[in-house]
Each structure stands twice: as C-alpha cells, then as structure tokens.
Amino acid sequence: MMRAGLVQHAMGPDADDNRAASLAGIAQAAAAGAELVILPELHASEYFCKYQDPALFDLAEPLDGPSRQALADAARQHGVVVVGSIFEQRAPGLAHNTALVLERDGTLAGIYRKMHIPDDPGYNEKFYFTPGDLGFEPIDTSIGRLGVLVCWDQWYPEAARLMALAGAEILIYPTAIGLDPDDHPDEQHRQLDAWRTIQRGHAIANGLPVAGCNRVGFEPDRSGAGRDAEFWGHSLIIGPQGEILDEAGSEAEVVVADLDLARSETVRRIWPFLRDRRIDAYADLLRRYRGR
C-alpha cells in the first residue's frame, strides 16, 4: 500500500509566495500520512504561457535552482517522495517544462521533460518549451516506479502505454488546465468531463493507478489581450479500473488516498490488455495519418 497526496493550490505573481504554498501543502499531505506528494505543473509561477514575451524566459531556473532546493528540503524534512515541476533553464534560449522527482532524503531521483508541447490560444507553450528529449522512462524511487508525464501528455494514450510497458507502477500528471471564462457553461462542463474521462481511460487501458494534480483559481492575462484563465482544479486519484478514489473541487485543497500498487497484477490478469495487444499489426501507429 502507498498513500499519495495531491497539493492543489493557486499561483500568483510572487514566486516566493507560490513556493510557500507548495511547501505548506507538502507538510499537510505528509501529516496525513502521504508517502508520495505531487504538485501542479509550473507551481512556482502563474501560468505565463497565455502570451509570448521573451522577457518571461527570466522565470526559468536551472535544475539545481531555488525550486529544487526548496522541494529537496521538504522531501528530507517530511520523509516523502515529492514530484514537482519547473521551467528548466538548460542553456541560453533553450528551456524545458520539466518534472522533478525528489527522494525521501532530498536527492534527485530523476527528471522528465514534457514531450507533447501545445500551441493553442492561451497556451503558447511552443514559444517557451523545447520538446523533451528523455523519452518515456519511469523514475525509480523508494516507493515504486513512477511514470511521470506532464499536462498535455495526458491526452495521449501512447505516452501512458509506453510508460506502462516500461514498468511504471503509477501514472502521474502535474497539470495546469482550465476554462476559458468566456465559454458557455455547457462547453466548460464538456471539457472538464473529457479531461477526467481520458485519465480514467489511461488507468483502465494500462491497469495502473493514475494521479493528476492541477492548479486552481483565476489568473489574468497580464499582456492585456484578454486570454484570462480559470483553472478548474479537480485533482484526482484513480484506481486501476478507472475508479475515482478521491477528487478535489475547484478550491485549494490537499487530496490524499491509499493505493494498492499490487492490485495492478490482479486487474491485468482479469483484463489482460497487454497480453492481447497485436503488436504485429501496429506498425501504422508510426505514421502521422493513414488517410489520403
């Protein structure tokens, strides 16, 4: 058994305040018995990708920067594994959207660089982030093999499958996703339901638990272009048959749930999707499109 905690919180313009909120959430989750604590995507800042501004590259930090140091101290202090997220400065003009995994003793267990980079109104990530170059490799920790992916990755069944095929014991998604405040409420509901459903589908298709941790709250478009965002929260922990074990609402909240990692073996015996895959017939998956 492993107890996981999700720290769903809002972000503002002050990085120190944001890090303090993350650290307070880690402490709260650890006090509730969590061994694994997951934070939202890019939790040290507001979601800055609403618009393109070269000056915002100043938000990037190296792998051993202040966010990693703060998370390492928290992991060591509370004896928990922490999954965090940074805007990684790798070289001049070269940056990644990177997840960090800190061991219980504060050492760096591994990193994952976001592979799928969106480019949509209000989500100008291709301007800021170079696509990941580390592939889909689980990160070994004292509590298990973590299949860490990031936000837009969660819409791709290929990413979840490759993590599962590499031996991941849980799929983890730090996330920053929300609503366009100008959309009709029916459209807002459809988008949230689709997001919840795709993650349940990854759990079912791979016989693995899934944990998705989102940010929450209203964040203005500071360029003045009107691309405001309302991050919907609803961080959730899902069992290997798609059952929702716990789910946050639309406010700041720490969610904690127990996961039986050994149950994946039982589920995969009764639903042997990996056994019955026709790997001899899937070559066309490497094509962009099969139609004319």
C-alpha atoms as a PDB file:
ATOM      1  CA  MET A   1       0.000   0.000   0.000  1.00  0.00           C
ATOM      2  CA  MET A   2       1.121   3.527  -0.736  1.00  0.00           C
ATOM      3  CA  ARG A   3      -0.589   6.758   0.306  1.00  0.00           C
ATOM      4  CA  ALA A   4      -0.452   9.561  -2.284  1.00  0.00           C
ATOM      5  CA  GLY A   5      -1.180  13.228  -1.737  1.00  0.00           C
ATOM      6  CA  LEU A   6      -2.043  15.930  -4.287  1.00  0.00           C
ATOM      7  CA  VAL A   7      -1.400  19.583  -3.447  1.00  0.00           C
ATOM      8  CA  GLN A   8      -3.907  21.634  -5.434  1.00  0.00           C
ATOM      9  CA  HIS A   9      -3.296  25.335  -4.968  1.00  0.00           C
ATOM     10  CA  ALA A  10      -3.468  28.699  -6.708  1.00  0.00           C
ATOM     11  CA  MET A  11      -0.483  30.650  -8.029  1.00  0.00           C
ATOM     12  CA  GLY A  12       0.112  34.373  -8.015  1.00  0.00           C
ATOM     13  CA  PRO A  13       2.793  36.732  -9.356  1.00  0.00           C
ATOM     14  CA  ASP A  14       5.205  36.219  -6.415  1.00  0.00           C
ATOM     15  CA  ALA A  15       7.390  33.092  -6.706  1.00  0.00           C
ATOM     16  CA  ASP A  16       8.239  33.042  -3.003  1.00  0.00           C
ATOM     17  CA  ASP A  17       4.541  33.031  -2.084  1.00  0.00           C
ATOM     18  CA  ASN A  18       3.893  30.243  -4.570  1.00  0.00           C
ATOM     19  CA  ARG A  19       6.738  28.125  -3.192  1.00  0.00           C
ATOM     20  CA  ALA A  20       5.456  28.730   0.334  1.00  0.00           C
ATOM     21  CA  ALA A  21       2.012  27.442  -0.691  1.00  0.00           C
ATOM     22  CA  SER A  22       3.598  24.339  -2.233  1.00  0.00           C
ATOM     23  CA  LEU A  23       5.665  23.666   0.884  1.00  0.00           C
ATOM     24  CA  ALA A  24       2.652  24.132   3.165  1.00  0.00           C
ATOM     25  CA  GLY A  25       0.733  21.622   1.043  1.00  0.00           C
ATOM     26  CA  ILE A  26       3.575  19.115   1.214  1.00  0.00           C
ATOM     27  CA  ALA A  27       3.596  19.433   5.000  1.00  0.00           C
ATOM     28  CA  GLN A  28      -0.178  18.947   5.143  1.00  0.00           C
ATOM     29  CA  ALA A  29      -0.084  15.873   2.921  1.00  0.00           C
ATOM     30  CA  ALA A  30       2.800  14.382   4.912  1.00  0.00           C
ATOM     31  CA  ALA A  31       0.918  14.991   8.166  1.00  0.00           C
ATOM     32  CA  ALA A  32      -1.963  12.995   6.657  1.00  0.00           C
ATOM     33  CA  GLY A  33       0.385  10.066   6.059  1.00  0.00           C
ATOM     34  CA  ALA A  34       1.264  10.600   2.394  1.00  0.00           C
ATOM     35  CA  GLU A  35       4.463   8.927   1.187  1.00  0.00           C
ATOM     36  CA  LEU A  36       4.201  10.476  -2.278  1.00  0.00           C
ATOM     37  CA  VAL A  37       3.284  14.149  -2.749  1.00  0.00           C
ATOM     38  CA  ILE A  38       2.536  15.640  -6.170  1.00  0.00           C
ATOM     39  CA  LEU A  39       2.379  19.333  -7.071  1.00  0.00           C
ATOM     40  CA  PRO A  40       0.753  21.063 -10.079  1.00  0.00           C
ATOM     41  CA  GLU A  41       2.570  21.972 -13.268  1.00  0.00           C
ATOM     42  CA  LEU A  42       4.837  25.067 -13.075  1.00  0.00           C
ATOM     43  CA  HIS A  43       3.821  25.743  -9.481  1.00  0.00           C
ATOM     44  CA  ALA A  44       6.420  28.478  -8.822  1.00  0.00           C
ATOM     45  CA  SER A  45       4.667  30.996 -11.074  1.00  0.00           C
ATOM     46  CA  GLU A  46       1.437  31.983 -12.675  1.00  0.00           C
ATOM     47  CA  TYR A  47       0.786  30.169 -15.947  1.00  0.00           C
ATOM     48  CA  PHE A  48       2.832  32.550 -18.099  1.00  0.00           C
ATOM     49  CA  CYS A  49       2.219  30.852 -21.466  1.00  0.00           C
ATOM     50  CA  LYS A  50      -1.003  32.777 -22.111  1.00  0.00           C
ATOM     51  CA  TYR A  51       1.022  35.062 -24.381  1.00  0.00           C
ATOM     52  CA  GLN A  52       4.505  35.341 -25.912  1.00  0.00           C
ATOM     53  CA  ASP A  53       7.058  37.566 -24.231  1.00  0.00           C
ATOM     54  CA  PRO A  54      10.830  36.918 -24.390  1.00  0.00           C
ATOM     55  CA  ALA A  55      11.230  38.623 -21.004  1.00  0.00           C
ATOM     56  CA  LEU A  56       9.328  35.762 -19.364  1.00  0.00           C
ATOM     57  CA  PHE A  57      12.285  33.452 -20.002  1.00  0.00           C
ATOM     58  CA  ASP A  58      13.675  35.139 -16.889  1.00  0.00           C
ATOM     59  CA  LEU A  59      11.303  32.874 -14.917  1.00  0.00           C
ATOM     60  CA  ALA A  60      13.310  29.811 -15.957  1.00  0.00           C
ATOM     61  CA  GLU A  61      15.687  28.251 -13.426  1.00  0.00           C
ATOM     62  CA  PRO A  62      18.387  25.580 -13.608  1.00  0.00           C
ATOM     63  CA  LEU A  63      17.794  22.048 -12.365  1.00  0.00           C
ATOM     64  CA  ASP A  64      19.545  22.909  -9.099  1.00  0.00           C
ATOM     65  CA  GLY A  65      17.708  26.215  -8.710  1.00  0.00           C
ATOM     66  CA  PRO A  66      15.540  27.528  -5.863  1.00  0.00           C
ATOM     67  CA  SER A  67      12.512  25.328  -6.596  1.00  0.00           C
ATOM     68  CA  ARG A  68      14.534  22.122  -6.486  1.00  0.00           C
ATOM     69  CA  GLN A  69      16.311  23.203  -3.317  1.00  0.00           C
ATOM     70  CA  ALA A  70      13.020  24.018  -1.579  1.00  0.00           C
ATOM     71  CA  LEU A  71      11.427  20.738  -2.671  1.00  0.00           C
ATOM     72  CA  ALA A  72      14.508  18.744  -1.647  1.00  0.00           C
ATOM     73  CA  ASP A  73      14.440  20.302   1.813  1.00  0.00           C
ATOM     74  CA  ALA A  74      10.736  19.495   2.151  1.00  0.00           C
ATOM     75  CA  ALA A  75      11.213  15.904   0.979  1.00  0.00           C
ATOM     76  CA  ARG A  76      14.020  15.430   3.501  1.00  0.00           C
ATOM     77  CA  GLN A  77      12.167  17.133   6.341  1.00  0.00           C
ATOM     78  CA  HIS A  78       8.970  15.114   5.924  1.00  0.00           C
ATOM     79  CA  GLY A  79      10.473  11.873   4.604  1.00  0.00           C
ATOM     80  CA  VAL A  80       8.299  11.844   1.472  1.00  0.00           C
ATOM     81  CA  VAL A  81       8.870  11.478  -2.262  1.00  0.00           C
ATOM     82  CA  VAL A  82       7.957  14.752  -3.997  1.00  0.00           C
ATOM     83  CA  VAL A  83       7.044  15.297  -7.654  1.00  0.00           C
ATOM     84  CA  GLY A  84       7.471  18.954  -8.587  1.00  0.00           C
ATOM     85  CA  SER A  85       7.564  20.974 -11.802  1.00  0.00           C
ATOM     86  CA  ILE A  86       9.861  23.726 -13.066  1.00  0.00           C
ATOM     87  CA  PHE A  87      10.526  25.919 -16.086  1.00  0.00           C
ATOM     88  CA  GLU A  88      14.000  24.460 -16.679  1.00  0.00           C
ATOM     89  CA  GLN A  89      16.733  26.744 -17.998  1.00  0.00           C
ATOM     90  CA  ARG A  90      19.058  24.346 -19.832  1.00  0.00           C
ATOM     91  CA  ALA A  91      21.096  26.788 -21.951  1.00  0.00           C
ATOM     92  CA  PRO A  92      20.680  30.327 -23.303  1.00  0.00           C
ATOM     93  CA  GLY A  93      17.411  30.341 -25.252  1.00  0.00           C
ATOM     94  CA  LEU A  94      16.831  26.643 -24.518  1.00  0.00           C
ATOM     95  CA  ALA A  95      14.279  25.695 -21.873  1.00  0.00           C
ATOM     96  CA  HIS A  96      12.050  22.774 -20.960  1.00  0.00           C
ATOM     97  CA  ASN A  97       8.894  22.113 -18.985  1.00  0.00           C
ATOM     98  CA  THR A  98      10.403  19.642 -16.537  1.00  0.00           C
ATOM     99  CA  ALA A  99       9.119  17.459 -13.720  1.00  0.00           C
ATOM    100  CA  LEU A 100      11.461  16.725 -10.813  1.00  0.00           C
ATOM    101  CA  VAL A 101      11.245  13.684  -8.551  1.00  0.00           C
ATOM    102  CA  LEU A 102      12.895  14.129  -5.148  1.00  0.00           C
ATOM    103  CA  GLU A 103      13.596  11.133  -2.935  1.00  0.00           C
ATOM    104  CA  ARG A 104      12.794  10.954   0.769  1.00  0.00           C
ATOM    105  CA  ASP A 105      16.336  12.092   1.584  1.00  0.00           C
ATOM    106  CA  GLY A 106      16.130  15.073  -0.763  1.00  0.00           C
ATOM    107  CA  THR A 107      18.270  13.606  -3.532  1.00  0.00           C
ATOM    108  CA  LEU A 108      17.140  13.898  -7.136  1.00  0.00           C
ATOM    109  CA  ALA A 109      15.707  10.538  -8.222  1.00  0.00           C
ATOM    110  CA  GLY A 110      15.175  11.691 -11.798  1.00  0.00           C
ATOM    111  CA  ILE A 111      13.534  14.162 -14.159  1.00  0.00           C
ATOM    112  CA  TYR A 112      11.046  14.051 -17.007  1.00  0.00           C
ATOM    113  CA  ARG A 113      10.920  16.691 -19.729  1.00  0.00           C
ATOM    114  CA  LYS A 114       7.471  17.269 -21.192  1.00  0.00           C
ATOM    115  CA  MET A 115       7.241  15.592 -24.592  1.00  0.00           C
ATOM    116  CA  HIS A 116       3.979  16.938 -26.052  1.00  0.00           C
ATOM    117  CA  ILE A 117       4.017  20.743 -26.255  1.00  0.00           C
ATOM    118  CA  PRO A 118       0.713  22.514 -27.030  1.00  0.00           C
ATOM    119  CA  ASP A 119       0.289  25.646 -29.106  1.00  0.00           C
ATOM    120  CA  ASP A 120      -3.242  26.930 -28.675  1.00  0.00           C
ATOM    121  CA  PRO A 121      -4.885  30.273 -27.856  1.00  0.00           C
ATOM    122  CA  GLY A 122      -3.894  30.992 -24.269  1.00  0.00           C
ATOM    123  CA  TYR A 123      -1.408  28.074 -24.221  1.00  0.00           C
ATOM    124  CA  ASN A 124       1.620  29.329 -26.176  1.00  0.00           C
ATOM    125  CA  GLU A 125       3.967  26.661 -24.869  1.00  0.00           C
ATOM    126  CA  LYS A 126       5.907  26.064 -28.086  1.00  0.00           C
ATOM    127  CA  PHE A 127       7.335  29.577 -27.732  1.00  0.00           C
ATOM    128  CA  TYR A 128       8.833  28.742 -24.340  1.00  0.00           C
ATOM    129  CA  PHE A 129       9.488  24.996 -24.172  1.00  0.00           C
ATOM    130  CA  THR A 130      11.725  22.747 -26.238  1.00  0.00           C
ATOM    131  CA  PRO A 131      10.142  19.263 -26.503  1.00  0.00           C
ATOM    132  CA  GLY A 132      11.558  16.702 -24.104  1.00  0.00           C
ATOM    133  CA  ASP A 133      14.500  14.550 -25.158  1.00  0.00           C
ATOM    134  CA  LEU A 134      14.439  11.870 -22.442  1.00  0.00           C
ATOM    135  CA  GLY A 135      11.601   9.769 -23.806  1.00  0.00           C
ATOM    136  CA  PHE A 136       9.012   7.965 -21.710  1.00  0.00           C
ATOM    137  CA  GLU A 137      11.080   6.390 -18.935  1.00  0.00           C
ATOM    138  CA  PRO A 138       9.739   5.688 -15.429  1.00  0.00           C
ATOM    139  CA  ILE A 139      11.702   7.005 -12.465  1.00  0.00           C
ATOM    140  CA  ASP A 140      12.694   4.520  -9.776  1.00  0.00           C
ATOM    141  CA  THR A 141      12.078   5.601  -6.184  1.00  0.00           C
ATOM    142  CA  SER A 142      11.881   4.011  -2.759  1.00  0.00           C
ATOM    143  CA  ILE A 143       8.084   3.800  -3.106  1.00  0.00           C
ATOM    144  CA  GLY A 144       7.936   2.395  -6.643  1.00  0.00           C
ATOM    145  CA  ARG A 145       8.467   3.138 -10.342  1.00  0.00           C
ATOM    146  CA  LEU A 146       6.810   6.443 -11.174  1.00  0.00           C
ATOM    147  CA  GLY A 147       5.565   7.075 -14.713  1.00  0.00           C
ATOM    148  CA  VAL A 148       5.753  10.873 -14.634  1.00  0.00           C
ATOM    149  CA  LEU A 149       4.218  12.805 -17.524  1.00  0.00           C
ATOM    150  CA  VAL A 150       3.102  16.453 -17.722  1.00  0.00           C
ATOM    151  CA  CYS A 151      -0.264  18.053 -18.577  1.00  0.00           C
ATOM    152  CA  TRP A 152      -0.721  17.940 -22.384  1.00  0.00           C
ATOM    153  CA  ASP A 153       0.877  14.482 -22.308  1.00  0.00           C
ATOM    154  CA  GLN A 154      -2.240  13.238 -20.521  1.00  0.00           C
ATOM    155  CA  TRP A 155      -4.288  13.371 -23.734  1.00  0.00           C
ATOM    156  CA  TYR A 156      -2.027  10.858 -25.495  1.00  0.00           C
ATOM    157  CA  PRO A 157      -2.649   7.137 -24.918  1.00  0.00           C
ATOM    158  CA  GLU A 158       0.747   6.396 -26.497  1.00  0.00           C
ATOM    159  CA  ALA A 159       2.584   8.184 -23.665  1.00  0.00           C
ATOM    160  CA  ALA A 160       0.685   6.324 -20.951  1.00  0.00           C
ATOM    161  CA  ARG A 161       1.152   2.996 -22.749  1.00  0.00           C
ATOM    162  CA  LEU A 162       4.897   3.447 -23.197  1.00  0.00           C
ATOM    163  CA  MET A 163       5.280   4.264 -19.516  1.00  0.00           C
ATOM    164  CA  ALA A 164       3.258   1.157 -18.641  1.00  0.00           C
ATOM    165  CA  LEU A 165       5.327  -1.010 -20.993  1.00  0.00           C
ATOM    166  CA  ALA A 166       8.487   0.272 -19.286  1.00  0.00           C
ATOM    167  CA  GLY A 167       7.226  -0.945 -15.911  1.00  0.00           C
ATOM    168  CA  ALA A 168       5.642   2.153 -14.375  1.00  0.00           C
ATOM    169  CA  GLU A 169       3.561   1.308 -11.296  1.00  0.00           C
ATOM    170  CA  ILE A 170       1.596   4.569 -11.294  1.00  0.00           C
ATOM    171  CA  LEU A 171       0.991   7.311 -13.872  1.00  0.00           C
ATOM    172  CA  ILE A 172       1.467  10.859 -12.569  1.00  0.00           C
ATOM    173  CA  TYR A 173       0.398  14.086 -14.289  1.00  0.00           C
ATOM    174  CA  PRO A 174       1.334  17.518 -12.884  1.00  0.00           C
ATOM    175  CA  THR A 175      -1.150  19.731 -14.730  1.00  0.00           C
ATOM    176  CA  ALA A 176      -2.206  23.298 -15.498  1.00  0.00           C
ATOM    177  CA  ILE A 177      -5.538  23.193 -17.279  1.00  0.00           C
ATOM    178  CA  GLY A 178      -8.644  25.283 -17.021  1.00  0.00           C
ATOM    179  CA  LEU A 179     -11.542  27.049 -18.625  1.00  0.00           C
ATOM    180  CA  ASP A 180     -11.924  29.991 -20.910  1.00  0.00           C
ATOM    181  CA  PRO A 181     -14.171  32.187 -18.717  1.00  0.00           C
ATOM    182  CA  ASP A 182     -15.991  33.323 -21.872  1.00  0.00           C
ATOM    183  CA  ASP A 183     -17.042  29.811 -22.913  1.00  0.00           C
ATOM    184  CA  HIS A 184     -20.631  28.667 -22.462  1.00  0.00           C
ATOM    185  CA  PRO A 185     -21.102  26.627 -19.244  1.00  0.00           C
ATOM    186  CA  ASP A 186     -22.045  23.563 -21.315  1.00  0.00           C
ATOM    187  CA  GLU A 187     -18.708  23.730 -23.144  1.00  0.00           C
ATOM    188  CA  GLN A 188     -16.861  24.211 -19.865  1.00  0.00           C
ATOM    189  CA  HIS A 189     -18.557  21.104 -18.477  1.00  0.00           C
ATOM    190  CA  ARG A 190     -17.716  19.059 -21.589  1.00  0.00           C
ATOM    191  CA  GLN A 191     -14.045  19.980 -21.366  1.00  0.00           C
ATOM    192  CA  LEU A 192     -13.751  19.117 -17.681  1.00  0.00           C
ATOM    193  CA  ASP A 193     -15.576  15.829 -18.197  1.00  0.00           C
ATOM    194  CA  ALA A 194     -13.315  14.927 -21.132  1.00  0.00           C
ATOM    195  CA  TRP A 195     -10.223  15.639 -19.026  1.00  0.00           C
ATOM    196  CA  ARG A 196     -11.482  13.431 -16.214  1.00  0.00           C
ATOM    197  CA  THR A 197     -12.509  10.691 -18.649  1.00  0.00           C
ATOM    198  CA  ILE A 198      -9.190  10.472 -20.526  1.00  0.00           C
ATOM    199  CA  GLN A 199      -7.304   9.918 -17.283  1.00  0.00           C
ATOM    200  CA  ARG A 200      -9.707   7.204 -16.219  1.00  0.00           C
ATOM    201  CA  GLY A 201      -9.157   5.644 -19.638  1.00  0.00           C
ATOM    202  CA  HIS A 202      -5.370   5.553 -19.121  1.00  0.00           C
ATOM    203  CA  ALA A 203      -5.897   3.775 -15.805  1.00  0.00           C
ATOM    204  CA  ILE A 204      -8.229   1.189 -17.363  1.00  0.00           C
ATOM    205  CA  ALA A 205      -6.210   0.589 -20.524  1.00  0.00           C
ATOM    206  CA  ASN A 206      -2.999   0.026 -18.601  1.00  0.00           C
ATOM    207  CA  GLY A 207      -4.260  -1.462 -15.345  1.00  0.00           C
ATOM    208  CA  LEU A 208      -2.489   1.256 -13.358  1.00  0.00           C
ATOM    209  CA  PRO A 209      -3.445   3.905 -10.810  1.00  0.00           C
ATOM    210  CA  VAL A 210      -3.333   7.482 -12.066  1.00  0.00           C
ATOM    211  CA  ALA A 211      -2.774  10.717 -10.141  1.00  0.00           C
ATOM    212  CA  GLY A 212      -3.399  14.104 -11.757  1.00  0.00           C
ATOM    213  CA  CYS A 213      -2.639  17.300  -9.817  1.00  0.00           C
ATOM    214  CA  ASN A 214      -3.988  20.561 -11.231  1.00  0.00           C
ATOM    215  CA  ARG A 215      -3.705  24.188 -10.207  1.00  0.00           C
ATOM    216  CA  VAL A 216      -6.775  26.199  -9.301  1.00  0.00           C
ATOM    217  CA  GLY A 217      -8.080  29.749  -9.443  1.00  0.00           C
ATOM    218  CA  PHE A 218      -8.359  32.743 -11.752  1.00  0.00           C
ATOM    219  CA  GLU A 219      -5.191  34.000 -13.436  1.00  0.00           C
ATOM    220  CA  PRO A 220      -5.370  37.141 -15.576  1.00  0.00           C
ATOM    221  CA  ASP A 221      -3.689  37.598 -18.920  1.00  0.00           C
ATOM    222  CA  ARG A 222      -1.171  40.271 -17.925  1.00  0.00           C
ATOM    223  CA  SER A 223      -0.495  41.192 -21.555  1.00  0.00           C
ATOM    224  CA  GLY A 224      -3.960  42.717 -21.704  1.00  0.00           C
ATOM    225  CA  ALA A 225      -5.007  40.557 -24.652  1.00  0.00           C
ATOM    226  CA  GLY A 226      -7.908  39.058 -22.704  1.00  0.00           C
ATOM    227  CA  ARG A 227      -6.722  35.434 -22.509  1.00  0.00           C
ATOM    228  CA  ASP A 228      -7.673  35.084 -18.870  1.00  0.00           C
ATOM    229  CA  ALA A 229      -7.813  31.570 -17.433  1.00  0.00           C
ATOM    230  CA  GLU A 230      -9.848  29.919 -14.705  1.00  0.00           C
ATOM    231  CA  PHE A 231      -8.003  26.759 -13.669  1.00  0.00           C
ATOM    232  CA  TRP A 232     -10.604  24.214 -12.709  1.00  0.00           C
ATOM    233  CA  GLY A 233      -8.771  22.153 -10.079  1.00  0.00           C
ATOM    234  CA  HIS A 234     -10.461  18.748  -9.706  1.00  0.00           C
ATOM    235  CA  SER A 235      -7.152  16.995  -8.970  1.00  0.00           C
ATOM    236  CA  LEU A 236      -7.905  13.304  -8.726  1.00  0.00           C
ATOM    237  CA  ILE A 237      -6.535   9.904  -7.794  1.00  0.00           C
ATOM    238  CA  ILE A 238      -7.812   6.951  -9.835  1.00  0.00           C
ATOM    239  CA  GLY A 239      -7.581   3.192  -9.313  1.00  0.00           C
ATOM    240  CA  PRO A 240      -6.504   0.674 -11.973  1.00  0.00           C
ATOM    241  CA  GLN A 241     -10.077   0.002 -13.139  1.00  0.00           C
ATOM    242  CA  GLY A 242     -10.836   3.678 -13.591  1.00  0.00           C
ATOM    243  CA  GLU A 243     -12.477   4.145 -10.217  1.00  0.00           C
ATOM    244  CA  ILE A 244     -12.072   7.638  -8.763  1.00  0.00           C
ATOM    245  CA  LEU A 245     -10.658   7.170  -5.274  1.00  0.00           C
ATOM    246  CA  ASP A 246     -10.728  10.862  -4.409  1.00  0.00           C
ATOM    247  CA  GLU A 247     -11.184  14.136  -6.259  1.00  0.00           C
ATOM    248  CA  ALA A 248     -10.754  17.748  -5.241  1.00  0.00           C
ATOM    249  CA  GLY A 249     -13.196  20.507  -6.007  1.00  0.00           C
ATOM    250  CA  SER A 250     -12.489  23.908  -7.511  1.00  0.00           C
ATOM    251  CA  GLU A 251     -10.733  25.423  -4.481  1.00  0.00           C
ATOM    252  CA  ALA A 252      -7.283  24.979  -2.946  1.00  0.00           C
ATOM    253  CA  GLU A 253      -7.202  21.548  -1.329  1.00  0.00           C
ATOM    254  CA  VAL A 254      -4.916  18.647  -0.411  1.00  0.00           C
ATOM    255  CA  VAL A 255      -6.242  15.264  -1.549  1.00  0.00           C
ATOM    256  CA  VAL A 256      -4.926  12.038  -0.005  1.00  0.00           C
ATOM    257  CA  ALA A 257      -5.789   8.453  -0.962  1.00  0.00           C
ATOM    258  CA  ASP A 258      -4.382   4.973  -0.446  1.00  0.00           C
ATOM    259  CA  LEU A 259      -3.214   2.979  -3.463  1.00  0.00           C
ATOM    260  CA  ASP A 260      -2.695  -0.763  -3.568  1.00  0.00           C
ATOM    261  CA  LEU A 261       0.053  -0.980  -6.181  1.00  0.00           C
ATOM    262  CA  ALA A 262      -0.030  -4.781  -6.103  1.00  0.00           C
ATOM    263  CA  ARG A 263      -3.631  -4.703  -7.322  1.00  0.00           C
ATOM    264  CA  SER A 264      -2.447  -3.977 -10.864  1.00  0.00           C
ATOM    265  CA  GLU A 265      -1.349  -7.612 -11.106  1.00  0.00           C
ATOM    266  CA  THR A 266      -4.865  -8.822 -10.247  1.00  0.00           C
ATOM    267  CA  VAL A 267      -6.518  -6.375 -12.633  1.00  0.00           C
ATOM    268  CA  ARG A 268      -4.206  -7.285 -15.511  1.00  0.00           C
ATOM    269  CA  ARG A 269      -4.972 -10.977 -15.004  1.00  0.00           C
ATOM    270  CA  ILE A 270      -8.704 -10.444 -15.474  1.00  0.00           C
ATOM    271  CA  TRP A 271      -8.316  -7.712 -18.121  1.00  0.00           C
ATOM    272  CA  PRO A 272      -5.168  -8.857 -19.998  1.00  0.00           C
ATOM    273  CA  PHE A 273      -4.905  -5.943 -22.398  1.00  0.00           C
ATOM    274  CA  LEU A 274      -1.111  -6.127 -22.536  1.00  0.00           C
ATOM    275  CA  ARG A 275      -1.245  -9.848 -23.327  1.00  0.00           C
ATOM    276  CA  ASP A 276      -3.707  -9.436 -26.196  1.00  0.00           C
ATOM    277  CA  ARG A 277      -2.078  -6.470 -27.932  1.00  0.00           C
ATOM    278  CA  ARG A 278      -1.478  -7.195 -31.639  1.00  0.00           C
ATOM    279  CA  ILE A 279       1.999  -5.723 -31.772  1.00  0.00           C
ATOM    280  CA  ASP A 280       2.486  -7.393 -35.175  1.00  0.00           C
ATOM    281  CA  ALA A 281      -0.263  -5.190 -36.641  1.00  0.00           C
ATOM    282  CA  TYR A 282       0.522  -1.773 -35.148  1.00  0.00           C
ATOM    283  CA  ALA A 283       3.244  -0.510 -37.495  1.00  0.00           C
ATOM    284  CA  ASP A 284       0.956   2.197 -38.886  1.00  0.00           C
ATOM    285  CA  LEU A 285       0.898   3.887 -35.496  1.00  0.00           C
ATOM    286  CA  LEU A 286       4.243   5.371 -36.514  1.00  0.00           C
ATOM    287  CA  ARG A 287       2.551   7.217 -39.385  1.00  0.00           C
ATOM    288  CA  ARG A 288       1.087  10.685 -38.919  1.00  0.00           C
ATOM    289  CA  TYR A 289      -2.169   9.711 -40.623  1.00  0.00           C
ATOM    290  CA  ARG A 290      -3.385   6.732 -42.657  1.00  0.00           C
ATOM    291  CA  GLY A 291      -5.988   8.501 -44.773  1.00  0.00           C
ATOM    292  CA  ARG A 292      -5.490  10.241 -48.067  1.00  0.00           C
END
